[in-house]
Protein backbone atom coordinates (compact mmCIF):
# COMPACT_ATOMS: atom_id res chain seq x y z
CA MET A 1 -32.94 -36.07 36.65
CA LYS A 2 -34.58 -39.44 36.15
CA ILE A 3 -32.29 -42.42 35.55
CA ALA A 4 -32.69 -46.15 34.96
CA ALA A 5 -30.32 -48.54 36.73
CA PHE A 6 -29.90 -52.06 35.33
CA GLU A 7 -28.17 -55.17 36.72
CA VAL A 8 -28.87 -53.87 40.23
CA LYS A 9 -27.68 -56.40 42.82
CA ASP A 10 -28.99 -56.84 46.35
CA TYR A 11 -25.70 -55.60 47.78
CA GLU A 12 -26.10 -52.32 45.83
CA LEU A 13 -29.58 -51.42 47.07
CA GLY A 14 -28.39 -49.53 50.14
CA ASP A 15 -26.06 -47.38 48.06
CA PHE A 16 -28.75 -46.62 45.47
CA GLU A 17 -30.85 -45.17 48.29
CA ARG A 18 -28.48 -42.20 48.10
CA ALA A 19 -29.63 -41.31 44.57
CA GLU A 20 -31.85 -38.51 45.79
CA SER A 21 -28.92 -36.83 47.51
CA PHE A 22 -27.36 -36.48 44.05
CA GLY A 23 -30.57 -35.00 42.64
CA LEU A 24 -31.49 -38.22 40.86
CA GLN A 25 -34.70 -40.24 40.70
CA ALA A 26 -33.64 -43.83 40.09
CA ASP A 27 -35.73 -46.69 38.70
CA LEU A 28 -34.00 -49.92 39.68
CA HIS A 29 -34.04 -53.08 37.56
CA ALA A 30 -32.37 -56.38 38.39
CA ASP A 31 -32.27 -57.51 34.74
CA ASN A 32 -29.51 -56.72 32.27
CA LEU A 33 -30.31 -54.01 29.75
CA THR A 34 -31.19 -55.70 26.44
CA ALA A 35 -32.89 -54.87 23.17
CA GLY A 36 -35.96 -56.58 24.61
CA ASN A 37 -36.33 -54.38 27.69
CA VAL A 38 -34.76 -51.13 26.52
CA ARG A 39 -38.17 -49.41 26.87
CA LEU A 40 -37.66 -49.51 30.63
CA ALA A 41 -35.38 -46.50 30.14
CA GLU A 42 -38.12 -44.42 28.54
CA GLY A 43 -38.37 -41.00 30.14
CA CYS A 44 -34.87 -41.20 31.55
CA GLU A 45 -31.91 -38.99 30.71
CA GLY A 46 -29.35 -41.33 32.25
CA VAL A 47 -28.70 -45.06 32.41
CA THR A 48 -26.31 -47.06 34.57
CA THR A 49 -25.35 -50.73 34.17
CA LEU A 50 -22.73 -53.24 35.19
CA GLY A 51 -20.72 -55.17 32.61
CA PHE A 52 -23.15 -57.67 31.14
CA SER A 53 -25.80 -55.44 29.58
CA ASP A 54 -26.12 -55.08 25.82
CA LEU A 55 -24.53 -51.75 25.03
CA THR A 56 -23.99 -52.29 21.32
CA ALA A 57 -24.96 -49.74 18.68
CA PRO A 58 -28.60 -50.91 18.16
CA VAL A 59 -29.42 -50.61 21.87
CA LEU A 60 -27.61 -47.28 22.17
CA GLU A 61 -29.59 -46.00 19.19
CA GLU A 62 -32.83 -46.94 20.91
CA LEU A 63 -31.72 -45.24 24.10
CA LYS A 64 -30.90 -42.10 22.16
CA LYS A 65 -34.33 -42.08 20.51
CA MET A 66 -35.90 -42.17 23.98
CA GLY A 67 -33.88 -39.17 25.15
CA VAL A 68 -31.06 -40.90 27.04
CA LYS A 69 -28.02 -38.61 27.07
CA TYR A 70 -25.73 -40.23 29.62
CA LEU A 71 -24.44 -43.75 30.31
CA ALA A 72 -22.53 -44.63 33.47
CA THR A 73 -21.09 -48.12 33.76
CA ARG A 74 -20.53 -49.26 37.35
CA THR A 75 -17.35 -51.02 36.25
CA VAL A 76 -13.78 -49.88 35.75
CA GLY A 77 -13.57 -51.59 32.36
CA PHE A 78 -15.66 -50.28 29.50
CA ASN A 79 -14.81 -52.64 26.63
CA HIS A 80 -18.45 -53.85 26.75
CA ILE A 81 -19.63 -50.47 25.44
CA ASP A 82 -19.59 -49.48 21.77
CA LEU A 83 -17.82 -46.18 22.36
CA GLU A 84 -17.77 -45.23 18.69
CA ALA A 85 -21.55 -45.55 18.51
CA ALA A 86 -21.97 -43.62 21.76
CA LYS A 87 -19.78 -40.81 20.45
CA ARG A 88 -21.67 -40.73 17.14
CA LEU A 89 -24.99 -40.55 18.97
CA GLY A 90 -23.81 -37.91 21.43
CA ILE A 91 -24.25 -40.17 24.48
CA ARG A 92 -21.67 -39.26 27.11
CA VAL A 93 -20.10 -42.26 28.85
CA SER A 94 -18.37 -42.68 32.19
CA ASN A 95 -16.81 -45.57 34.08
CA ALA A 96 -16.26 -46.25 37.76
CA TYR A 97 -13.33 -45.97 40.11
CA TYR A 98 -12.44 -47.83 43.25
CA GLU A 99 -9.26 -48.07 45.27
CA PRO A 100 -6.88 -50.71 43.86
CA TYR A 101 -6.22 -52.67 47.05
CA ASN A 102 -8.93 -55.28 46.51
CA VAL A 103 -7.55 -56.53 43.17
CA ALA A 104 -3.94 -56.04 44.22
CA ASP A 105 -4.39 -58.12 47.39
CA PHE A 106 -6.26 -60.80 45.44
CA THR A 107 -3.44 -60.92 42.88
CA VAL A 108 -0.78 -61.61 45.48
CA MET A 109 -3.06 -64.19 47.10
CA LEU A 110 -3.22 -66.09 43.79
CA MET A 111 0.56 -65.94 43.46
CA LEU A 112 1.04 -67.43 46.92
CA MET A 113 -1.64 -70.08 46.39
CA LEU A 114 0.08 -71.24 43.19
CA LEU A 115 3.54 -71.18 44.74
CA ARG A 116 2.35 -73.30 47.68
CA LYS A 117 0.01 -75.52 45.61
CA ALA A 118 -2.95 -74.64 47.80
CA LYS A 119 -5.54 -76.05 45.40
CA ILE A 120 -4.05 -79.53 45.68
CA SER A 121 -3.83 -79.26 49.47
CA VAL A 122 -7.44 -78.11 49.89
CA CYS A 123 -8.82 -80.75 47.52
CA ARG A 124 -6.87 -83.53 49.23
CA ALA A 125 -8.00 -82.44 52.68
CA LEU A 126 -11.64 -82.69 51.57
CA VAL A 127 -11.14 -86.47 51.14
CA ASN A 128 -8.89 -86.86 54.20
CA ASP A 129 -5.69 -87.14 52.17
CA PHE A 130 -3.02 -85.32 54.14
CA SER A 131 0.01 -86.53 52.19
CA LEU A 132 2.74 -84.17 50.98
CA ASP A 133 3.63 -85.84 47.68
CA GLY A 134 3.91 -83.31 44.86
CA MET A 135 3.23 -80.31 47.11
CA CYS A 136 6.70 -78.87 47.66
CA GLY A 137 6.49 -75.16 46.88
CA ARG A 138 8.74 -72.19 46.26
CA GLU A 139 9.45 -68.99 48.18
CA MET A 140 8.63 -65.60 46.70
CA ARG A 141 11.88 -64.02 47.91
CA ASN A 142 13.90 -66.03 45.39
CA LEU A 143 11.74 -65.20 42.38
CA THR A 144 11.33 -62.50 39.76
CA VAL A 145 7.80 -61.16 39.32
CA GLY A 146 6.84 -59.38 36.11
CA ILE A 147 4.03 -56.81 36.25
CA ILE A 148 2.47 -55.90 32.90
CA GLY A 149 0.70 -52.59 33.43
CA ALA A 150 1.79 -50.01 36.01
CA GLY A 151 -1.51 -48.22 36.51
CA LYS A 152 -3.13 -47.89 39.90
CA ILE A 153 -3.64 -51.65 40.37
CA GLY A 154 -0.23 -52.61 39.00
CA ARG A 155 1.42 -50.06 41.30
CA ALA A 156 -0.50 -51.44 44.28
CA VAL A 157 0.69 -54.96 43.43
CA ILE A 158 4.26 -53.69 43.24
CA SER A 159 3.81 -52.09 46.67
CA ASN A 160 2.39 -55.33 48.09
CA LEU A 161 5.33 -57.31 46.75
CA SER A 162 7.86 -55.02 48.41
CA GLY A 163 7.53 -56.98 51.63
CA PHE A 164 8.40 -60.33 50.05
CA GLY A 165 11.94 -59.53 48.94
CA CYS A 166 11.41 -60.62 45.34
CA LYS A 167 12.76 -58.87 42.26
CA VAL A 168 10.00 -56.98 40.45
CA LEU A 169 10.05 -56.07 36.76
CA ALA A 170 7.45 -53.81 35.20
CA TYR A 171 6.39 -53.02 31.65
CA ASP A 172 4.08 -50.16 30.75
CA PRO A 173 4.84 -47.88 27.78
CA TYR A 174 2.05 -45.53 28.88
CA ALA A 175 3.02 -45.17 32.54
CA LYS A 176 2.87 -41.57 33.72
CA GLU A 177 5.00 -42.39 36.74
CA ARG A 178 7.41 -45.16 37.60
CA PRO A 179 6.82 -46.40 41.14
CA ASP A 180 9.61 -47.39 43.49
CA GLY A 181 10.08 -51.10 43.94
CA ALA A 182 10.17 -52.16 40.29
CA ILE A 183 12.69 -52.15 37.47
CA PHE A 184 11.06 -50.95 34.25
CA THR A 185 11.98 -52.96 31.19
CA ASP A 186 10.73 -53.94 27.74
CA LEU A 187 8.08 -56.61 27.27
CA ASP A 188 10.39 -59.25 25.78
CA SER A 189 12.82 -58.99 28.70
CA LEU A 190 9.97 -59.24 31.20
CA LEU A 191 8.59 -62.34 29.50
CA LYS A 192 12.00 -64.03 29.41
CA GLU A 193 13.15 -63.21 32.94
CA SER A 194 10.01 -63.53 35.10
CA ASP A 195 9.06 -66.53 37.22
CA ILE A 196 5.60 -65.04 37.73
CA ILE A 197 3.81 -62.77 35.25
CA SER A 198 0.76 -60.75 36.30
CA LEU A 199 -1.52 -58.76 33.98
CA HIS A 200 -2.88 -55.34 34.94
CA VAL A 201 -3.91 -53.58 31.72
CA PRO A 202 -7.31 -52.81 30.20
CA LEU A 203 -8.41 -54.89 27.22
CA THR A 204 -8.12 -53.10 23.86
CA ALA A 205 -8.13 -54.17 20.24
CA ALA A 206 -4.36 -53.65 20.22
CA ASN A 207 -3.55 -55.94 23.16
CA ARG A 208 -6.12 -58.72 22.73
CA HIS A 209 -4.22 -62.01 23.10
CA LEU A 210 -1.19 -60.16 24.42
CA ILE A 211 -0.28 -63.51 25.95
CA ASP A 212 -0.34 -65.83 22.93
CA GLY A 213 1.73 -68.80 21.79
CA LYS A 214 4.68 -66.64 20.75
CA ALA A 215 4.71 -64.80 24.07
CA ILE A 216 4.48 -68.04 26.06
CA ALA A 217 7.36 -69.55 24.08
CA LYS A 218 9.60 -66.68 25.30
CA MET A 219 8.80 -67.34 28.96
CA LYS A 220 10.76 -69.39 31.46
CA ARG A 221 9.69 -73.00 31.61
CA GLY A 222 7.37 -73.39 34.59
CA VAL A 223 6.29 -69.75 34.66
CA LEU A 224 3.19 -68.83 36.65
CA ILE A 225 0.63 -66.53 34.98
CA ILE A 226 -1.87 -64.39 36.90
CA ASN A 227 -4.82 -62.64 35.25
CA THR A 228 -7.06 -60.43 37.37
CA ALA A 229 -7.61 -57.96 34.51
CA ARG A 230 -9.54 -59.08 31.40
CA GLY A 231 -9.90 -62.57 29.95
CA GLY A 232 -9.21 -61.52 26.37
CA LEU A 233 -5.62 -60.61 27.25
CA ILE A 234 -4.77 -64.33 27.12
CA ASP A 235 -5.27 -66.64 24.14
CA THR A 236 -7.05 -69.55 25.85
CA ASP A 237 -5.89 -72.17 23.35
CA ALA A 238 -2.28 -71.06 23.78
CA LEU A 239 -2.68 -71.12 27.56
CA ILE A 240 -4.01 -74.68 27.46
CA ASP A 241 -1.17 -75.77 25.16
CA GLY A 242 1.33 -74.19 27.57
CA LEU A 243 -0.19 -75.96 30.57
CA GLU A 244 -0.27 -79.32 28.80
CA SER A 245 3.37 -79.02 27.72
CA GLU A 246 4.32 -77.74 31.21
CA GLN A 247 5.89 -74.65 29.69
CA ILE A 248 3.44 -72.91 32.01
CA GLY A 249 3.73 -74.15 35.58
CA GLY A 250 0.39 -72.80 36.76
CA ALA A 251 -2.19 -70.09 36.27
CA GLY A 252 -4.32 -67.99 38.59
CA LEU A 253 -7.32 -66.84 36.55
CA ASP A 254 -9.98 -64.55 37.92
CA THR A 255 -11.12 -63.90 34.35
CA ILE A 256 -11.01 -65.86 31.09
CA GLU A 257 -12.27 -65.39 27.54
CA ALA A 258 -15.12 -67.88 27.98
CA GLU A 259 -16.67 -66.20 31.02
CA GLU A 260 -19.42 -64.33 29.17
CA GLY A 261 -22.74 -65.86 30.16
CA VAL A 262 -21.06 -67.67 33.06
CA ALA A 263 -19.53 -65.12 35.41
CA HIS A 264 -21.62 -64.33 38.50
CA ILE A 265 -24.36 -66.82 37.53
CA ASP A 266 -25.51 -70.02 39.30
CA LEU A 267 -25.34 -72.67 36.58
CA ARG A 268 -25.56 -75.83 38.69
CA ALA A 269 -28.75 -77.07 37.01
CA ARG A 270 -27.91 -76.00 33.46
CA ILE A 271 -25.94 -77.37 30.54
CA VAL A 272 -22.97 -75.08 30.01
CA ASP A 273 -21.29 -74.92 26.60
CA LYS A 274 -17.95 -73.60 27.86
CA ARG A 275 -15.54 -76.46 27.22
CA ASP A 276 -12.42 -74.31 27.61
CA LEU A 277 -13.52 -73.16 31.04
CA PHE A 278 -14.14 -76.65 32.35
CA TYR A 279 -10.95 -78.01 30.81
CA LEU A 280 -8.91 -75.26 32.45
CA LYS A 281 -10.59 -75.93 35.81
CA GLN A 282 -9.44 -79.55 35.85
CA PHE A 283 -5.73 -78.75 35.91
CA PRO A 284 -4.37 -79.19 39.44
CA ASN A 285 -2.13 -76.15 38.90
CA VAL A 286 -4.90 -73.80 37.72
CA ILE A 287 -6.90 -71.72 40.18
CA PHE A 288 -10.05 -70.34 38.59
CA THR A 289 -12.20 -67.81 40.41
CA SER A 290 -15.42 -66.16 39.28
CA HIS A 291 -14.20 -62.68 38.28
CA TYR A 292 -14.55 -61.35 41.80
CA ALA A 293 -11.14 -59.93 42.65
CA PHE A 294 -12.87 -56.53 42.82
CA PHE A 295 -15.69 -57.75 45.05
CA THR A 296 -15.41 -56.05 48.41
CA GLU A 297 -17.86 -53.91 50.36
CA GLU A 298 -15.67 -50.88 49.79
CA ALA A 299 -15.45 -51.38 46.02
CA THR A 300 -19.11 -52.11 45.31
CA SER A 301 -20.15 -49.03 47.26
CA ALA A 302 -17.63 -46.90 45.39
CA MET A 303 -18.88 -48.19 42.02
CA VAL A 304 -22.46 -47.13 42.71
CA GLU A 305 -21.32 -43.79 44.07
CA CYS A 306 -19.24 -43.17 40.92
CA ALA A 307 -22.24 -43.87 38.70
CA LEU A 308 -24.55 -41.58 40.67
CA LYS A 309 -21.97 -38.82 40.88
CA SER A 310 -21.20 -39.12 37.14
CA LEU A 311 -24.82 -38.88 36.10
CA ALA A 312 -25.35 -35.90 38.39
CA LEU A 313 -22.29 -34.12 36.98
CA PHE A 314 -23.40 -34.83 33.42
CA GLY A 315 -26.87 -33.48 34.16
CA GLU A 316 -25.47 -30.33 35.75
CA GLY A 317 -23.17 -29.70 32.80
CA ARG A 318 -20.07 -29.89 34.98
CA ASP A 319 -16.70 -31.53 34.26
CA ASN A 320 -16.79 -35.23 35.01
CA PRO A 321 -13.47 -36.86 36.05
CA PHE A 322 -14.93 -40.31 35.28
CA GLU A 323 -15.88 -39.53 31.67
CA VAL A 324 -14.53 -41.94 29.06
CA ILE A 325 -13.19 -40.43 25.88
CA GLY A 326 -14.43 -42.51 22.93
């Protein structure tokens, strides 16, 4: 089967060399899939992208006209795909899987960096300021950590935290299993009792702005918020208000609402119209990273392999464990 791969990065090239072993002939393109270059998929039955391609209804309709039957995103999240349009057009969609340790480890790293005010320390050291004023931290063992979402990543975070001696609360009404090491509770109780709150749920229409002004008002004063999931889970304006009022004591953000058109791009010589992003970055108690908690050799290889395996399974008419139900 012939496929077109878009958003192909240099670090993925070695893994795409395995396409033939899956019975696939892959045309590789570095550009995002857009309405302007959709013809590059002509003659292909399958398409694979990362998360920044245009996968709205008009582009999907053009793909369908050209004979594309299958779409495999090399990302775990799939909120960038118009699933209703794909279902209507009969385009089967799959996402990727990778082990949760990369994001889980990164999450705990952000917690520790905020607790020990690492951003201030690093910035001071760059200008030879080695003073300790304002840098006294807290110890994890005395804190309560709230985990929103007990899927594979949330469970891995809970496992990581087991060695720190902290109390762990978890909220997930859809959890199929309740892992050891956490006390399951309702969302309001988690918000009120946690010193640190970490988000590990996919973004849906129902939970967009899960962390809004009302939610923040319920939290402990000085709470730390970690988001290594999806930016839209947090209302940026409410987050800024909480930081300014010091209701929120700090935030570790690997993803924010305003990242579209910014994430994974070198913008040093461009004018960037993302005021929220730059305002958040200036807070001494906010650590902002470029949506790369997932970014390890193991994960990027697994993402390509998932896409290739999915497209092969689709083409062979076999059950696909990575298929997304629209």
